[in-house]
N, C-alpha and C. Protein backbone atom coordinates (compact mmCIF):
# COMPACT_ATOMS: atom_id res chain seq x y z
N MET A 1 42.90 -23.33 83.28
CA MET A 1 42.83 -23.67 84.66
C MET A 1 41.90 -22.78 85.42
N ASN A 2 41.07 -23.31 86.24
CA ASN A 2 40.10 -22.60 87.05
C ASN A 2 40.86 -21.93 88.31
N MET A 3 40.99 -20.50 88.40
CA MET A 3 41.79 -19.94 89.41
C MET A 3 41.09 -19.95 90.66
N ILE A 4 39.76 -20.01 90.73
CA ILE A 4 38.88 -19.94 91.95
C ILE A 4 39.14 -21.27 92.69
N CYS A 5 39.14 -22.32 92.08
CA CYS A 5 39.32 -23.66 92.87
C CYS A 5 40.58 -24.28 92.51
N SER A 6 41.70 -23.55 92.47
CA SER A 6 42.90 -24.27 92.16
C SER A 6 43.46 -25.10 93.26
N MET A 7 44.26 -25.99 93.08
CA MET A 7 44.86 -26.98 94.05
C MET A 7 45.60 -26.23 95.12
N LYS A 8 46.02 -25.03 95.02
CA LYS A 8 46.79 -24.26 95.95
C LYS A 8 46.09 -23.80 97.20
N PHE A 9 44.73 -23.86 97.10
CA PHE A 9 43.89 -23.53 98.22
C PHE A 9 43.89 -24.45 99.35
N HIS A 10 43.71 -24.01 100.56
CA HIS A 10 43.59 -24.83 101.71
C HIS A 10 42.34 -25.59 101.73
N VAL A 11 42.13 -26.44 102.67
CA VAL A 11 40.86 -27.31 102.79
C VAL A 11 39.67 -26.39 103.03
N GLY A 12 39.74 -25.51 103.92
CA GLY A 12 38.65 -24.41 104.21
C GLY A 12 38.20 -23.74 103.02
N GLN A 13 39.20 -23.27 102.10
CA GLN A 13 38.89 -22.50 100.98
C GLN A 13 38.23 -23.51 99.92
N LYS A 14 38.56 -24.80 99.87
CA LYS A 14 37.97 -25.65 98.91
C LYS A 14 36.42 -26.01 99.33
N ILE A 15 36.39 -26.11 100.64
CA ILE A 15 34.96 -26.27 101.07
C ILE A 15 34.01 -25.09 100.72
N PHE A 16 34.67 -23.86 100.99
CA PHE A 16 33.87 -22.56 100.65
C PHE A 16 33.60 -22.58 99.08
N CYS A 17 34.54 -22.95 98.32
CA CYS A 17 34.38 -22.92 96.97
C CYS A 17 33.27 -23.97 96.51
N LEU A 18 33.30 -25.16 97.06
CA LEU A 18 32.33 -26.07 96.81
C LEU A 18 30.87 -25.63 97.25
N GLY A 19 30.78 -24.98 98.36
CA GLY A 19 29.52 -24.34 98.83
C GLY A 19 29.01 -23.39 97.97
N LEU A 20 29.92 -22.52 97.42
CA LEU A 20 29.67 -21.45 96.57
C LEU A 20 28.95 -22.00 95.25
N MET A 21 29.57 -23.14 94.77
CA MET A 21 29.11 -23.65 93.46
C MET A 21 27.78 -24.34 93.74
N ILE A 22 27.58 -24.97 94.91
CA ILE A 22 26.29 -25.61 95.14
C ILE A 22 25.18 -24.52 95.29
N TRP A 23 25.60 -23.49 95.94
CA TRP A 23 24.57 -22.37 96.28
C TRP A 23 24.26 -21.68 94.91
N SER A 24 25.20 -21.47 94.01
CA SER A 24 24.78 -20.88 92.66
C SER A 24 24.06 -21.84 91.83
N PHE A 25 24.21 -23.22 92.02
CA PHE A 25 23.41 -24.11 91.23
C PHE A 25 21.86 -24.08 91.69
N PHE A 26 21.63 -23.89 92.96
CA PHE A 26 20.30 -24.00 93.44
C PHE A 26 19.67 -22.56 93.21
N LEU A 27 20.57 -21.52 93.30
CA LEU A 27 20.04 -20.20 92.76
C LEU A 27 19.49 -20.16 91.43
N ASN A 28 20.20 -20.85 90.53
CA ASN A 28 19.92 -20.86 89.18
C ASN A 28 18.56 -21.80 88.92
N MET A 29 18.45 -22.80 89.74
CA MET A 29 17.31 -23.67 89.61
C MET A 29 16.01 -22.96 90.11
N GLY A 30 16.15 -22.00 90.96
CA GLY A 30 15.06 -21.20 91.39
C GLY A 30 14.54 -20.27 90.30
N CYS A 31 15.32 -19.98 89.35
CA CYS A 31 14.86 -19.16 88.17
C CYS A 31 14.25 -19.83 87.06
N ALA A 32 14.17 -21.15 87.12
CA ALA A 32 13.62 -21.94 86.08
C ALA A 32 12.07 -21.84 86.06
N PRO A 33 11.48 -21.72 84.84
CA PRO A 33 10.03 -21.55 84.72
C PRO A 33 9.30 -22.72 85.38
N VAL A 34 8.17 -22.41 86.03
CA VAL A 34 7.28 -23.46 86.60
C VAL A 34 6.52 -24.09 85.63
N ILE A 35 6.11 -23.52 84.59
CA ILE A 35 5.28 -24.03 83.44
C ILE A 35 6.16 -24.35 82.30
N SER A 36 6.17 -25.48 81.70
CA SER A 36 7.03 -25.99 80.62
C SER A 36 6.80 -25.17 79.36
N LYS A 37 7.68 -25.09 78.43
CA LYS A 37 7.46 -24.37 77.20
C LYS A 37 6.41 -25.01 76.34
N GLU A 38 6.41 -26.38 76.41
CA GLU A 38 5.35 -27.18 75.61
C GLU A 38 4.04 -26.71 76.13
N LEU A 39 3.79 -26.69 77.43
CA LEU A 39 2.51 -26.32 77.90
C LEU A 39 2.04 -24.86 77.61
N ARG A 40 3.01 -23.97 77.67
CA ARG A 40 2.91 -22.48 77.39
C ARG A 40 2.39 -22.35 75.96
N LYS A 41 2.93 -23.17 74.97
CA LYS A 41 2.58 -23.04 73.57
C LYS A 41 1.13 -23.30 73.31
N GLN A 42 0.53 -24.18 74.32
CA GLN A 42 -0.95 -24.59 74.06
C GLN A 42 -1.82 -23.59 74.71
N VAL A 43 -1.38 -22.55 75.41
CA VAL A 43 -2.28 -21.61 76.13
C VAL A 43 -2.91 -20.77 75.11
N SER A 44 -4.34 -20.60 75.37
CA SER A 44 -5.05 -19.52 74.52
C SER A 44 -4.93 -18.21 75.21
N GLU A 45 -4.06 -17.38 74.66
CA GLU A 45 -3.71 -16.02 75.28
C GLU A 45 -4.73 -15.02 75.13
N ASP A 46 -5.78 -15.21 74.16
CA ASP A 46 -6.71 -14.28 74.02
C ASP A 46 -8.01 -14.30 74.80
N LEU A 47 -8.03 -15.43 75.61
CA LEU A 47 -9.29 -15.63 76.48
C LEU A 47 -9.07 -14.98 77.81
N THR A 48 -10.19 -14.26 78.27
CA THR A 48 -10.25 -13.57 79.50
C THR A 48 -11.06 -14.26 80.43
N LEU A 49 -10.92 -13.98 81.66
CA LEU A 49 -11.74 -14.67 82.75
C LEU A 49 -13.27 -14.29 82.51
N SER A 50 -13.60 -13.09 82.19
CA SER A 50 -14.96 -12.75 81.95
C SER A 50 -15.60 -13.46 80.80
N MET A 51 -14.74 -13.83 79.74
CA MET A 51 -15.27 -14.56 78.60
C MET A 51 -15.73 -15.93 79.06
N VAL A 52 -14.86 -16.56 79.85
CA VAL A 52 -15.08 -17.90 80.32
C VAL A 52 -16.14 -18.01 81.31
N GLU A 53 -16.27 -16.96 82.12
CA GLU A 53 -17.30 -16.96 83.13
C GLU A 53 -18.75 -16.88 82.45
N LYS A 54 -18.83 -16.11 81.36
CA LYS A 54 -20.14 -15.98 80.61
C LYS A 54 -20.62 -17.43 79.96
N ASP A 55 -19.69 -18.16 79.44
CA ASP A 55 -20.08 -19.39 78.80
C ASP A 55 -18.91 -20.53 79.09
N PRO A 56 -18.93 -21.01 80.23
CA PRO A 56 -17.79 -21.93 80.59
C PRO A 56 -17.76 -23.22 79.70
N LYS A 57 -18.93 -23.76 79.20
CA LYS A 57 -19.05 -24.85 78.51
C LYS A 57 -18.36 -24.69 77.11
N ALA A 58 -18.46 -23.50 76.57
CA ALA A 58 -17.88 -23.27 75.21
C ALA A 58 -16.39 -23.39 75.25
N TYR A 59 -15.75 -23.14 76.44
CA TYR A 59 -14.38 -23.12 76.51
C TYR A 59 -13.80 -24.52 77.19
N LYS A 60 -14.62 -25.44 77.27
CA LYS A 60 -14.14 -26.71 77.99
C LYS A 60 -13.00 -27.37 77.18
N GLY A 61 -11.98 -27.74 77.87
CA GLY A 61 -10.80 -28.31 77.28
C GLY A 61 -9.82 -27.44 76.71
N ILE A 62 -9.96 -26.11 76.77
CA ILE A 62 -9.11 -25.14 76.26
C ILE A 62 -8.15 -24.75 77.40
N ILE A 63 -6.92 -24.68 77.14
CA ILE A 63 -5.81 -24.38 78.18
C ILE A 63 -5.67 -22.80 78.27
N VAL A 64 -5.88 -22.26 79.48
CA VAL A 64 -5.72 -20.87 79.73
C VAL A 64 -4.62 -20.76 80.82
N LEU A 65 -4.06 -19.57 80.86
CA LEU A 65 -3.14 -19.12 81.94
C LEU A 65 -3.44 -17.77 82.36
N TRP A 66 -3.97 -17.81 83.67
CA TRP A 66 -4.22 -16.48 84.26
C TRP A 66 -3.36 -16.42 85.47
N SER A 67 -2.98 -15.12 85.83
CA SER A 67 -2.13 -14.96 86.97
C SER A 67 -2.81 -13.83 87.75
N GLY A 68 -2.20 -13.67 89.09
CA GLY A 68 -2.81 -12.71 89.85
C GLY A 68 -1.84 -12.35 91.13
N GLU A 69 -2.28 -11.73 92.08
CA GLU A 69 -1.50 -11.44 93.16
C GLU A 69 -2.17 -12.18 94.39
N ILE A 70 -1.32 -12.84 95.15
CA ILE A 70 -1.80 -13.48 96.53
C ILE A 70 -1.82 -12.36 97.46
N ILE A 71 -2.98 -12.07 97.92
CA ILE A 71 -3.30 -10.95 98.90
C ILE A 71 -3.12 -11.49 100.27
N CYS A 72 -3.50 -12.73 100.66
CA CYS A 72 -3.37 -13.23 101.98
C CYS A 72 -3.22 -14.80 101.83
N SER A 73 -2.65 -15.33 102.87
CA SER A 73 -2.61 -16.83 102.86
C SER A 73 -2.69 -17.21 104.41
N VAL A 74 -3.35 -18.44 104.65
CA VAL A 74 -3.53 -18.88 106.03
C VAL A 74 -2.88 -20.27 106.22
N ASN A 75 -1.95 -20.53 107.09
CA ASN A 75 -1.46 -21.84 107.31
C ASN A 75 -2.45 -22.51 108.18
N LYS A 76 -3.05 -23.63 107.69
CA LYS A 76 -4.03 -24.40 108.41
C LYS A 76 -3.52 -25.55 109.16
N LYS A 77 -2.25 -25.80 109.20
CA LYS A 77 -1.63 -26.99 109.90
C LYS A 77 -0.87 -26.35 111.04
């Protein structure tokens, strides 16, 4: 029997419990990876940006994954 959401709680406590469960659900969803496992398996990890810059046609169709740091953003709307 779940002691946190037992039937002995008052309505306010049940609403709080429900809100806590919904909040924890969305918190866990925020930790989900943005890029799927299937796509990450196709990534060529040994390619660097400088390699592709030298000869982009040689790497056409190859999936790469590069990351960086967002230094600045501007809201245009």
